[in-house]
Structure formats: structure tokens, C-alpha cells
Amino acid sequence: MDEGMVGLIVFLSVTLVCAFITHICLRNITWATEVSTLFSALIFQMVNLVMNDNPEPFIGIAVIFSLIYAFLIALLVGIPFHLFRRKRP
């Protein structure tokens, strides 16, 4: 496996775990999505720093793209939680 594939697997793992935990703990889909997005992007950048031993030269661009993709994943994870909670009385 090359470095890019490992990074993608780590990003998806971190983002999915953060999304599931926040959507279980927070009932509001907006807050859960925002918190999950911020935590997953922050944790992924910290893992990236630890794995590569030096900071990313384009850290700003990396943070922006990780925020965008983490938001989309958190929103997709949150939709079933929102629909399930809306059906319950």
C-alpha cells in the first residue's frame, strides 16, 4: 500500500468514528455535524504530523479539504440518525 492509500484509510477511519460518536452523543444534527467535522479534521492533521515527522508544506489547503470531506461524511452519517430520531415520539 502506498502512502496516499494509507492516508485515505486513516482519514476515513477517523472521520467515521468521530461522526458516529458525535451523532450518538449529540441529538442536534447541526451541532453533531459541526463538532464531528472539526474534531475529525483536527485529529487527522495531528495524525498526519505524527506519521510524517514534519509539517505539511500546504497545511492550509490540507485543512480546508479535510474540513470539506469530513463535513460531507458527517452529514451522510447523521442523516439516518436524524430520520430515526424524528420518527420516535
C-alpha atoms as a PDB file:
ATOM      1  CA  MET A   1       0.000   0.000   0.000  1.00  0.00           C
ATOM      2  CA  ASP A   2       1.351   3.402  -0.852  1.00  0.00           C
ATOM      3  CA  GLU A   3       1.343   6.461   1.402  1.00  0.00           C
ATOM      4  CA  GLY A   4      -1.714   8.021  -0.236  1.00  0.00           C
ATOM      5  CA  MET A   5      -3.879   4.955   0.336  1.00  0.00           C
ATOM      6  CA  VAL A   6      -2.805   4.745   3.980  1.00  0.00           C
ATOM      7  CA  GLY A   7      -3.683   8.423   4.421  1.00  0.00           C
ATOM      8  CA  LEU A   8      -7.100   7.893   2.868  1.00  0.00           C
ATOM      9  CA  ILE A   9      -7.833   4.900   5.104  1.00  0.00           C
ATOM     10  CA  VAL A  10      -6.740   6.835   8.197  1.00  0.00           C
ATOM     11  CA  PHE A  11      -8.860   9.839   7.183  1.00  0.00           C
ATOM     12  CA  LEU A  12     -11.971   7.740   6.560  1.00  0.00           C
ATOM     13  CA  SER A  13     -11.497   5.811   9.806  1.00  0.00           C
ATOM     14  CA  VAL A  14     -11.040   8.939  11.914  1.00  0.00           C
ATOM     15  CA  THR A  15     -13.931  10.727  10.234  1.00  0.00           C
ATOM     16  CA  LEU A  16     -16.368   7.823  10.557  1.00  0.00           C
ATOM     17  CA  VAL A  17     -15.513   7.206  14.215  1.00  0.00           C
ATOM     18  CA  CYS A  18     -15.882  10.909  15.070  1.00  0.00           C
ATOM     19  CA  ALA A  19     -19.149  11.135  13.142  1.00  0.00           C
ATOM     20  CA  PHE A  20     -20.710   8.109  14.827  1.00  0.00           C
ATOM     21  CA  ILE A  21     -19.649   9.200  18.320  1.00  0.00           C
ATOM     22  CA  THR A  22     -20.875  12.771  17.937  1.00  0.00           C
ATOM     23  CA  HIS A  23     -24.176  11.778  16.334  1.00  0.00           C
ATOM     24  CA  ILE A  24     -24.813   9.287  19.128  1.00  0.00           C
ATOM     25  CA  CYS A  25     -23.972  11.793  21.872  1.00  0.00           C
ATOM     26  CA  LEU A  26     -25.491  14.971  20.396  1.00  0.00           C
ATOM     27  CA  ARG A  27     -29.128  14.978  19.361  1.00  0.00           C
ATOM     28  CA  ASN A  28     -28.977  18.091  17.160  1.00  0.00           C
ATOM     29  CA  ILE A  29     -27.774  17.156  13.675  1.00  0.00           C
ATOM     30  CA  THR A  30     -26.261  20.601  13.063  1.00  0.00           C
ATOM     31  CA  TRP A  31     -24.137  20.603  16.209  1.00  0.00           C
ATOM     32  CA  ALA A  32     -23.134  16.975  15.759  1.00  0.00           C
ATOM     33  CA  THR A  33     -22.043  17.584  12.175  1.00  0.00           C
ATOM     34  CA  GLU A  34     -20.045  20.695  13.080  1.00  0.00           C
ATOM     35  CA  VAL A  35     -18.330  19.095  16.083  1.00  0.00           C
ATOM     36  CA  SER A  36     -17.569  15.938  14.130  1.00  0.00           C
ATOM     37  CA  THR A  37     -16.126  17.935  11.247  1.00  0.00           C
ATOM     38  CA  LEU A  38     -13.837  19.985  13.460  1.00  0.00           C
ATOM     39  CA  PHE A  39     -12.648  17.061  15.581  1.00  0.00           C
ATOM     40  CA  SER A  40     -12.002  14.747  12.654  1.00  0.00           C
ATOM     41  CA  ALA A  41     -10.052  17.374  10.701  1.00  0.00           C
ATOM     42  CA  LEU A  42      -8.006  18.262  13.789  1.00  0.00           C
ATOM     43  CA  ILE A  43      -7.283  14.631  14.684  1.00  0.00           C
ATOM     44  CA  PHE A  44      -6.383  13.774  11.084  1.00  0.00           C
ATOM     45  CA  GLN A  45      -3.927  16.665  10.848  1.00  0.00           C
ATOM     46  CA  MET A  46      -2.336  15.610  14.148  1.00  0.00           C
ATOM     47  CA  VAL A  47      -2.033  12.003  12.917  1.00  0.00           C
ATOM     48  CA  ASN A  48      -0.539  13.293   9.665  1.00  0.00           C
ATOM     49  CA  LEU A  49       2.018  15.322  11.611  1.00  0.00           C
ATOM     50  CA  VAL A  50       2.963  12.309  13.745  1.00  0.00           C
ATOM     51  CA  MET A  51       3.230   9.954  10.753  1.00  0.00           C
ATOM     52  CA  ASN A  52       5.317  12.291   8.581  1.00  0.00           C
ATOM     53  CA  ASP A  53       7.541  13.856  11.287  1.00  0.00           C
ATOM     54  CA  ASN A  54       7.379  17.236   9.575  1.00  0.00           C
ATOM     55  CA  PRO A  55       4.540  19.669   8.939  1.00  0.00           C
ATOM     56  CA  GLU A  56       2.686  19.620   5.659  1.00  0.00           C
ATOM     57  CA  PRO A  57       4.013  22.408   3.394  1.00  0.00           C
ATOM     58  CA  PHE A  58       0.478  23.340   2.326  1.00  0.00           C
ATOM     59  CA  ILE A  59      -1.234  22.846   5.695  1.00  0.00           C
ATOM     60  CA  GLY A  60      -3.933  25.441   4.978  1.00  0.00           C
ATOM     61  CA  ILE A  61      -5.105  23.724   1.825  1.00  0.00           C
ATOM     62  CA  ALA A  62      -4.963  20.324   3.529  1.00  0.00           C
ATOM     63  CA  VAL A  63      -7.112  21.597   6.418  1.00  0.00           C
ATOM     64  CA  ILE A  64      -9.689  23.136   4.079  1.00  0.00           C
ATOM     65  CA  PHE A  65     -10.060  19.961   2.018  1.00  0.00           C
ATOM     66  CA  SER A  66     -10.190  17.740   5.097  1.00  0.00           C
ATOM     67  CA  LEU A  67     -12.905  20.003   6.553  1.00  0.00           C
ATOM     68  CA  ILE A  68     -14.960  19.780   3.354  1.00  0.00           C
ATOM     69  CA  TYR A  69     -14.772  15.997   3.084  1.00  0.00           C
ATOM     70  CA  ALA A  70     -15.233  15.477   6.826  1.00  0.00           C
ATOM     71  CA  PHE A  71     -18.369  17.657   6.686  1.00  0.00           C
ATOM     72  CA  LEU A  72     -19.844  15.610   3.847  1.00  0.00           C
ATOM     73  CA  ILE A  73     -19.116  12.317   5.605  1.00  0.00           C
ATOM     74  CA  ALA A  74     -20.505  13.591   8.927  1.00  0.00           C
ATOM     75  CA  LEU A  75     -23.651  14.776   7.175  1.00  0.00           C
ATOM     76  CA  LEU A  76     -24.134  11.412   5.445  1.00  0.00           C
ATOM     77  CA  VAL A  77     -23.663   9.593   8.752  1.00  0.00           C
ATOM     78  CA  GLY A  78     -26.023  11.991  10.530  1.00  0.00           C
ATOM     79  CA  ILE A  79     -28.985  11.700   8.167  1.00  0.00           C
ATOM     80  CA  PRO A  80     -30.048   8.199   9.353  1.00  0.00           C
ATOM     81  CA  PHE A  81     -29.681   9.309  12.987  1.00  0.00           C
ATOM     82  CA  HIS A  82     -31.847  12.357  12.289  1.00  0.00           C
ATOM     83  CA  LEU A  83     -34.526  10.350  10.492  1.00  0.00           C
ATOM     84  CA  PHE A  84     -34.602   7.707  13.239  1.00  0.00           C
ATOM     85  CA  ARG A  85     -34.915  10.321  15.993  1.00  0.00           C
ATOM     86  CA  ARG A  86     -37.593  12.216  14.089  1.00  0.00           C
ATOM     87  CA  LYS A  87     -39.779   9.079  13.832  1.00  0.00           C
ATOM     88  CA  ARG A  88     -39.609   8.360  17.558  1.00  0.00           C
ATOM     89  CA  PRO A  89     -42.094  10.190  19.785  1.00  0.00           C
END
